[in-house]
């Protein structure tokens, strides 16, 4: 099972998005990919801060469709178990000299709790957290 990081979900929404990422996504079985509430919030904020216009409306509609059509009930929360995992993995990473953003730490913790891999372009924070990663830009 694979958690898609925010950068993987947003890549196909770009006009000049990576064809490698799109091809990688197309090869995944829908029921094996998950989104986190953390990534969903990052995507929603990214759209919300755009100026009003067709681009904002288009991205908002695309994200809404993506969430319903692709993920459905496969959006994982940052819950109590994830909070406990977050504290452990972020403190362990800091002790070894790696800083992890709150969002990446939350996604890593959710992946740890579920035993999932994270698909991302920014692999370093997840590797520092001890989470298996896939980089669709290099697949």
N, C-alpha and C. Protein backbone atom coordinates (compact mmCIF):
# COMPACT_ATOMS: atom_id res chain seq x y z
N UNK A 1 0.84 -1.17 0.00
CA UNK A 1 0.00 0.00 0.00
C UNK A 1 0.89 1.25 0.00
N UNK A 2 0.43 2.27 -0.66
CA UNK A 2 1.25 3.46 -0.89
C UNK A 2 0.47 4.72 -0.53
N UNK A 3 1.10 5.56 0.27
CA UNK A 3 0.57 6.89 0.55
C UNK A 3 1.19 7.86 -0.46
N UNK A 4 0.35 8.62 -1.13
CA UNK A 4 0.85 9.62 -2.08
C UNK A 4 1.09 10.92 -1.33
N UNK A 5 2.32 11.41 -1.40
CA UNK A 5 2.65 12.70 -0.81
C UNK A 5 2.01 13.80 -1.65
N UNK A 6 1.91 14.96 -1.07
CA UNK A 6 1.27 16.10 -1.71
C UNK A 6 1.85 16.38 -3.09
N UNK A 7 3.17 16.30 -3.22
CA UNK A 7 3.79 16.63 -4.51
C UNK A 7 3.43 15.63 -5.60
N UNK A 8 3.13 14.40 -5.25
CA UNK A 8 2.72 13.40 -6.25
C UNK A 8 1.29 13.68 -6.71
N UNK A 9 0.41 14.00 -5.77
CA UNK A 9 -0.99 14.28 -6.11
C UNK A 9 -1.11 15.55 -6.95
N UNK A 10 -0.31 16.55 -6.63
CA UNK A 10 -0.42 17.83 -7.34
C UNK A 10 0.25 17.81 -8.71
N UNK A 11 1.18 16.92 -8.94
CA UNK A 11 1.95 16.91 -10.19
C UNK A 11 1.06 16.79 -11.45
N UNK A 12 0.10 15.87 -11.49
CA UNK A 12 -0.73 15.77 -12.69
C UNK A 12 -1.65 16.98 -12.91
N UNK A 13 -1.83 17.81 -11.89
CA UNK A 13 -2.67 19.00 -12.02
C UNK A 13 -1.93 20.16 -12.67
N UNK A 14 -0.61 20.02 -12.81
CA UNK A 14 0.19 21.08 -13.43
C UNK A 14 0.11 20.97 -14.95
N UNK A 15 0.14 22.11 -15.61
CA UNK A 15 0.10 22.10 -17.08
C UNK A 15 1.36 21.47 -17.66
N UNK A 16 2.47 21.58 -16.95
CA UNK A 16 3.73 21.01 -17.41
C UNK A 16 4.18 19.88 -16.47
N UNK A 17 3.23 19.13 -15.93
CA UNK A 17 3.54 18.07 -14.98
C UNK A 17 4.37 16.96 -15.60
N UNK A 18 5.07 16.25 -14.77
CA UNK A 18 5.95 15.17 -15.20
C UNK A 18 5.16 14.01 -15.81
N UNK A 19 5.54 13.64 -17.02
CA UNK A 19 4.91 12.48 -17.67
C UNK A 19 5.30 11.19 -16.96
N UNK A 20 6.50 11.16 -16.38
CA UNK A 20 6.93 9.98 -15.64
C UNK A 20 6.03 9.74 -14.43
N UNK A 21 5.67 10.80 -13.74
CA UNK A 21 4.79 10.67 -12.57
C UNK A 21 3.41 10.21 -13.01
N UNK A 22 2.89 10.79 -14.09
CA UNK A 22 1.57 10.38 -14.58
C UNK A 22 1.59 8.91 -14.99
N UNK A 23 2.65 8.48 -15.66
CA UNK A 23 2.75 7.08 -16.08
C UNK A 23 2.84 6.16 -14.85
N UNK A 24 3.59 6.59 -13.85
CA UNK A 24 3.70 5.79 -12.62
C UNK A 24 2.33 5.68 -11.94
N UNK A 25 1.63 6.80 -11.84
CA UNK A 25 0.29 6.78 -11.23
C UNK A 25 -0.65 5.86 -12.00
N UNK A 26 -0.58 5.91 -13.32
CA UNK A 26 -1.45 5.07 -14.15
C UNK A 26 -1.19 3.58 -13.93
N UNK A 27 0.03 3.23 -13.52
CA UNK A 27 0.36 1.81 -13.29
C UNK A 27 -0.10 1.30 -11.92
N UNK A 28 -0.52 2.19 -11.04
CA UNK A 28 -0.91 1.78 -9.69
C UNK A 28 -2.37 1.33 -9.67
N UNK A 29 -2.63 0.26 -8.95
CA UNK A 29 -4.01 -0.18 -8.74
C UNK A 29 -4.67 0.83 -7.79
N UNK A 30 -5.83 1.32 -8.17
CA UNK A 30 -6.50 2.38 -7.40
C UNK A 30 -6.63 2.02 -5.92
N UNK A 31 -6.97 0.78 -5.64
CA UNK A 31 -7.20 0.39 -4.24
C UNK A 31 -5.92 0.31 -3.41
N UNK A 32 -4.76 0.52 -4.03
CA UNK A 32 -3.50 0.45 -3.28
C UNK A 32 -2.93 1.82 -2.94
N UNK A 33 -3.56 2.89 -3.41
CA UNK A 33 -3.03 4.24 -3.13
C UNK A 33 -3.94 4.97 -2.15
N UNK A 34 -3.30 5.68 -1.25
CA UNK A 34 -3.99 6.39 -0.18
C UNK A 34 -3.52 7.83 -0.14
N UNK A 35 -4.35 8.68 0.44
CA UNK A 35 -4.03 10.08 0.70
C UNK A 35 -4.14 10.28 2.20
N UNK A 36 -3.38 11.22 2.73
CA UNK A 36 -3.53 11.56 4.14
C UNK A 36 -4.33 12.86 4.26
N UNK A 37 -4.96 13.02 5.41
CA UNK A 37 -5.66 14.28 5.69
C UNK A 37 -4.67 15.44 5.66
N UNK A 38 -3.43 15.17 6.03
CA UNK A 38 -2.39 16.20 6.01
C UNK A 38 -2.15 16.69 4.58
N UNK A 39 -1.98 15.77 3.64
CA UNK A 39 -1.77 16.17 2.24
C UNK A 39 -3.00 16.85 1.68
N UNK A 40 -4.17 16.35 2.03
CA UNK A 40 -5.40 16.99 1.55
C UNK A 40 -5.46 18.43 2.02
N UNK A 41 -5.09 18.67 3.28
CA UNK A 41 -5.12 20.05 3.78
C UNK A 41 -4.10 20.92 3.05
N UNK A 42 -2.92 20.38 2.75
CA UNK A 42 -1.92 21.14 2.00
C UNK A 42 -2.44 21.50 0.61
N UNK A 43 -3.08 20.55 -0.05
CA UNK A 43 -3.63 20.79 -1.38
C UNK A 43 -4.74 21.84 -1.33
N UNK A 44 -5.61 21.74 -0.34
CA UNK A 44 -6.71 22.70 -0.20
C UNK A 44 -6.19 24.11 0.08
N UNK A 45 -5.18 24.23 0.93
CA UNK A 45 -4.59 25.54 1.21
C UNK A 45 -3.96 26.11 -0.06
N UNK A 46 -3.25 25.27 -0.81
CA UNK A 46 -2.64 25.73 -2.05
C UNK A 46 -3.65 26.31 -3.02
N UNK A 47 -4.81 25.70 -3.09
CA UNK A 47 -5.87 26.21 -3.96
C UNK A 47 -6.51 27.45 -3.36
N UNK A 48 -6.76 27.42 -2.07
CA UNK A 48 -7.45 28.52 -1.39
C UNK A 48 -6.69 29.84 -1.52
N UNK A 49 -5.37 29.80 -1.52
CA UNK A 49 -4.59 31.04 -1.55
C UNK A 49 -4.41 31.60 -2.96
N UNK A 50 -4.85 30.87 -3.98
CA UNK A 50 -4.77 31.38 -5.34
C UNK A 50 -5.75 32.53 -5.53
N UNK A 51 -5.42 33.47 -6.43
CA UNK A 51 -6.38 34.53 -6.73
C UNK A 51 -7.62 33.92 -7.41
N UNK A 52 -8.75 34.57 -7.22
CA UNK A 52 -9.99 34.11 -7.84
C UNK A 52 -9.81 34.07 -9.36
N UNK A 53 -10.37 33.08 -9.98
CA UNK A 53 -10.28 32.97 -11.43
C UNK A 53 -10.46 31.55 -11.90
N UNK A 54 -10.27 31.37 -13.20
CA UNK A 54 -10.50 30.06 -13.82
C UNK A 54 -9.51 29.01 -13.32
N UNK A 55 -8.28 29.40 -13.10
CA UNK A 55 -7.28 28.43 -12.64
C UNK A 55 -7.67 27.88 -11.27
N UNK A 56 -8.04 28.78 -10.37
CA UNK A 56 -8.45 28.36 -9.03
C UNK A 56 -9.69 27.46 -9.12
N UNK A 57 -10.67 27.87 -9.90
CA UNK A 57 -11.90 27.08 -10.05
C UNK A 57 -11.60 25.70 -10.64
N UNK A 58 -10.73 25.67 -11.64
CA UNK A 58 -10.37 24.41 -12.29
C UNK A 58 -9.65 23.46 -11.35
N UNK A 59 -8.69 24.00 -10.59
CA UNK A 59 -7.96 23.16 -9.64
C UNK A 59 -8.87 22.67 -8.52
N UNK A 60 -9.76 23.54 -8.06
CA UNK A 60 -10.69 23.15 -7.01
C UNK A 60 -11.59 22.01 -7.49
N UNK A 61 -12.10 22.13 -8.70
CA UNK A 61 -12.96 21.08 -9.26
C UNK A 61 -12.17 19.79 -9.48
N UNK A 62 -10.93 19.92 -9.98
CA UNK A 62 -10.10 18.74 -10.23
C UNK A 62 -9.78 18.02 -8.92
N UNK A 63 -9.47 18.78 -7.88
CA UNK A 63 -9.16 18.15 -6.59
C UNK A 63 -10.40 17.48 -6.01
N UNK A 64 -11.52 18.14 -6.09
CA UNK A 64 -12.76 17.54 -5.57
C UNK A 64 -13.07 16.23 -6.28
N UNK A 65 -12.92 16.22 -7.59
CA UNK A 65 -13.17 15.00 -8.37
C UNK A 65 -12.16 13.92 -8.01
N UNK A 66 -10.91 14.31 -7.88
CA UNK A 66 -9.85 13.37 -7.55
C UNK A 66 -10.11 12.71 -6.20
N UNK A 67 -10.48 13.51 -5.23
CA UNK A 67 -10.71 12.99 -3.88
C UNK A 67 -11.87 12.00 -3.90
N UNK A 68 -12.94 12.34 -4.57
CA UNK A 68 -14.12 11.46 -4.61
C UNK A 68 -13.86 10.23 -5.48
N UNK A 69 -13.35 10.45 -6.68
CA UNK A 69 -13.20 9.36 -7.65
C UNK A 69 -12.04 8.42 -7.31
N UNK A 70 -10.91 8.97 -6.92
CA UNK A 70 -9.73 8.14 -6.73
C UNK A 70 -9.61 7.61 -5.30
N UNK A 71 -9.79 8.48 -4.33
CA UNK A 71 -9.50 8.07 -2.96
C UNK A 71 -10.72 7.59 -2.18
N UNK A 72 -11.85 8.21 -2.39
CA UNK A 72 -13.04 7.79 -1.65
C UNK A 72 -12.78 7.75 -0.16
N UNK A 73 -12.87 6.57 0.42
CA UNK A 73 -12.66 6.41 1.87
C UNK A 73 -11.20 6.14 2.22
N UNK A 74 -10.30 6.23 1.25
CA UNK A 74 -8.89 5.94 1.52
C UNK A 74 -8.10 7.22 1.82
N UNK A 75 -8.66 8.04 2.70
CA UNK A 75 -7.96 9.23 3.21
C UNK A 75 -7.68 8.96 4.68
N UNK A 76 -6.41 8.86 5.00
CA UNK A 76 -6.00 8.44 6.34
C UNK A 76 -5.85 9.63 7.27
N UNK A 77 -6.40 9.55 8.48
CA UNK A 77 -6.32 10.66 9.43
C UNK A 77 -5.00 10.66 10.21
N UNK A 78 -4.69 11.81 10.75
CA UNK A 78 -3.61 11.92 11.74
C UNK A 78 -4.30 11.77 13.09
N UNK A 79 -4.24 10.57 13.63
CA UNK A 79 -4.97 10.25 14.85
C UNK A 79 -4.02 10.07 16.03
N UNK A 80 -4.53 9.53 17.13
CA UNK A 80 -3.72 9.37 18.34
C UNK A 80 -2.52 8.45 18.11
N UNK A 81 -2.73 7.34 17.40
CA UNK A 81 -1.61 6.44 17.11
C UNK A 81 -0.54 7.15 16.27
N UNK A 82 -1.00 7.91 15.29
CA UNK A 82 -0.06 8.65 14.44
C UNK A 82 0.67 9.71 15.25
N UNK A 83 -0.02 10.36 16.18
CA UNK A 83 0.62 11.37 17.02
C UNK A 83 1.74 10.76 17.85
N UNK A 84 1.50 9.58 18.37
CA UNK A 84 2.53 8.91 19.17
C UNK A 84 3.71 8.50 18.28
N UNK A 85 3.43 7.99 17.09
CA UNK A 85 4.50 7.64 16.16
C UNK A 85 5.27 8.88 15.73
N UNK A 86 4.55 9.99 15.51
CA UNK A 86 5.16 11.26 15.11
C UNK A 86 6.20 11.69 16.14
N UNK A 87 5.82 11.68 17.40
CA UNK A 87 6.75 12.11 18.46
C UNK A 87 8.02 11.27 18.43
N UNK A 88 7.87 9.98 18.27
CA UNK A 88 9.02 9.08 18.27
C UNK A 88 9.91 9.30 17.05
N UNK A 89 9.32 9.31 15.87
CA UNK A 89 10.16 9.38 14.68
C UNK A 89 10.77 10.75 14.46
N UNK A 90 10.06 11.82 14.82
CA UNK A 90 10.63 13.16 14.67
C UNK A 90 11.76 13.38 15.67
N UNK A 91 11.58 12.93 16.90
CA UNK A 91 12.65 13.10 17.89
C UNK A 91 13.87 12.25 17.52
N UNK A 92 13.64 11.05 17.00
CA UNK A 92 14.75 10.19 16.57
C UNK A 92 15.49 10.83 15.40
N UNK A 93 14.75 11.40 14.45
CA UNK A 93 15.39 12.05 13.30
C UNK A 93 16.19 13.27 13.75
N UNK A 94 15.62 14.06 14.66
CA UNK A 94 16.35 15.24 15.17
C UNK A 94 17.63 14.83 15.87
N UNK A 95 17.57 13.74 16.64
CA UNK A 95 18.75 13.27 17.36
C UNK A 95 19.86 12.87 16.39
N UNK A 96 19.49 12.47 15.18
CA UNK A 96 20.51 12.11 14.19
C UNK A 96 20.80 13.25 13.22
N UNK A 97 20.31 14.47 13.55
CA UNK A 97 20.65 15.65 12.78
C UNK A 97 19.73 15.97 11.61
N UNK A 98 18.57 15.36 11.55
CA UNK A 98 17.62 15.60 10.46
C UNK A 98 16.40 16.33 10.98
N UNK A 99 16.05 17.43 10.32
CA UNK A 99 14.82 18.15 10.66
C UNK A 99 13.73 17.75 9.68
N UNK A 100 12.56 17.48 10.21
CA UNK A 100 11.42 17.06 9.40
C UNK A 100 10.30 18.06 9.62
N UNK A 101 9.71 18.57 8.55
CA UNK A 101 8.59 19.50 8.69
C UNK A 101 7.42 18.81 9.38
N UNK A 102 6.52 19.60 9.93
CA UNK A 102 5.35 19.03 10.61
C UNK A 102 4.55 18.17 9.63
N UNK A 103 4.30 18.70 8.44
CA UNK A 103 3.50 17.94 7.46
C UNK A 103 4.18 16.63 7.08
N UNK A 104 5.47 16.68 6.75
CA UNK A 104 6.17 15.44 6.40
C UNK A 104 6.23 14.48 7.58
N UNK A 105 6.40 15.02 8.77
CA UNK A 105 6.40 14.18 9.97
C UNK A 105 5.07 13.50 10.18
N UNK A 106 3.99 14.23 9.95
CA UNK A 106 2.65 13.63 10.10
C UNK A 106 2.43 12.55 9.05
N UNK A 107 2.80 12.81 7.82
CA UNK A 107 2.63 11.82 6.76
C UNK A 107 3.49 10.58 7.06
N UNK A 108 4.72 10.80 7.50
CA UNK A 108 5.59 9.68 7.85
C UNK A 108 5.00 8.87 9.01
N UNK A 109 4.44 9.55 9.98
CA UNK A 109 3.85 8.85 11.13
C UNK A 109 2.64 8.03 10.70
N UNK A 110 1.81 8.59 9.85
CA UNK A 110 0.64 7.85 9.34
C UNK A 110 1.11 6.62 8.57
N UNK A 111 2.14 6.77 7.75
CA UNK A 111 2.69 5.64 7.00
C UNK A 111 3.23 4.58 7.95
N UNK A 112 3.92 5.01 8.99
CA UNK A 112 4.48 4.08 9.97
C UNK A 112 3.39 3.28 10.66
N UNK A 113 2.35 3.95 11.11
CA UNK A 113 1.24 3.29 11.81
C UNK A 113 0.60 2.21 10.92
N UNK A 114 0.47 2.51 9.63
CA UNK A 114 -0.20 1.58 8.72
C UNK A 114 0.75 0.62 8.03
N UNK A 115 2.06 0.84 8.19
CA UNK A 115 3.04 -0.01 7.51
C UNK A 115 3.09 0.21 6.01
N UNK A 116 2.83 1.46 5.58
CA UNK A 116 2.77 1.81 4.17
C UNK A 116 4.07 2.47 3.71
N UNK A 117 4.25 2.50 2.40
CA UNK A 117 5.33 3.22 1.74
C UNK A 117 4.81 4.59 1.34
N UNK A 118 5.71 5.59 1.27
CA UNK A 118 5.32 6.93 0.82
C UNK A 118 5.92 7.18 -0.56
N UNK A 119 5.07 7.59 -1.49
CA UNK A 119 5.53 8.02 -2.82
C UNK A 119 5.71 9.53 -2.77
N UNK A 120 6.92 9.99 -3.06
CA UNK A 120 7.25 11.41 -2.94
C UNK A 120 8.46 11.75 -3.79
N UNK A 121 8.58 13.02 -4.12
CA UNK A 121 9.79 13.50 -4.77
C UNK A 121 10.85 13.83 -3.72
N UNK A 122 10.39 14.29 -2.57
CA UNK A 122 11.26 14.72 -1.48
C UNK A 122 11.46 13.55 -0.51
N UNK A 123 12.35 12.65 -0.86
CA UNK A 123 12.50 11.41 -0.09
C UNK A 123 13.25 11.58 1.22
N UNK A 124 14.13 12.58 1.33
CA UNK A 124 15.02 12.70 2.50
C UNK A 124 14.31 12.68 3.85
N UNK A 125 13.24 13.47 4.06
CA UNK A 125 12.61 13.44 5.38
C UNK A 125 12.02 12.09 5.74
N UNK A 126 11.51 11.39 4.75
CA UNK A 126 10.89 10.09 5.01
C UNK A 126 11.95 9.03 5.27
N UNK A 127 13.06 9.11 4.55
CA UNK A 127 14.17 8.20 4.82
C UNK A 127 14.70 8.45 6.23
N UNK A 128 14.83 9.72 6.61
CA UNK A 128 15.30 10.06 7.96
C UNK A 128 14.34 9.53 9.03
N UNK A 129 13.06 9.44 8.68
CA UNK A 129 12.06 8.93 9.62
C UNK A 129 11.98 7.41 9.60
N UNK A 130 12.73 6.78 8.70
CA UNK A 130 12.72 5.32 8.63
C UNK A 130 11.53 4.75 7.86
N UNK A 131 10.95 5.55 6.98
CA UNK A 131 9.78 5.13 6.21
C UNK A 131 10.23 4.72 4.80
N UNK A 132 9.75 3.58 4.29
CA UNK A 132 10.09 3.21 2.92
C UNK A 132 9.52 4.22 1.93
N UNK A 133 10.28 4.52 0.88
CA UNK A 133 9.86 5.53 -0.09
C UNK A 133 9.96 5.02 -1.53
N UNK A 134 9.17 5.64 -2.37
CA UNK A 134 9.23 5.46 -3.82
C UNK A 134 9.27 6.87 -4.41
N UNK A 135 10.15 7.09 -5.38
CA UNK A 135 10.20 8.37 -6.07
C UNK A 135 9.67 8.19 -7.48
N UNK A 136 8.40 8.57 -7.73
CA UNK A 136 7.82 8.37 -9.07
C UNK A 136 8.53 9.13 -10.18
N UNK A 137 9.29 10.15 -9.85
CA UNK A 137 10.04 10.90 -10.85
C UNK A 137 11.20 10.06 -11.37
N UNK A 138 11.61 9.05 -10.61
CA UNK A 138 12.75 8.22 -10.98
C UNK A 138 12.37 6.79 -11.33
N UNK A 139 11.10 6.48 -11.29
CA UNK A 139 10.64 5.10 -11.56
C UNK A 139 10.57 4.84 -13.05
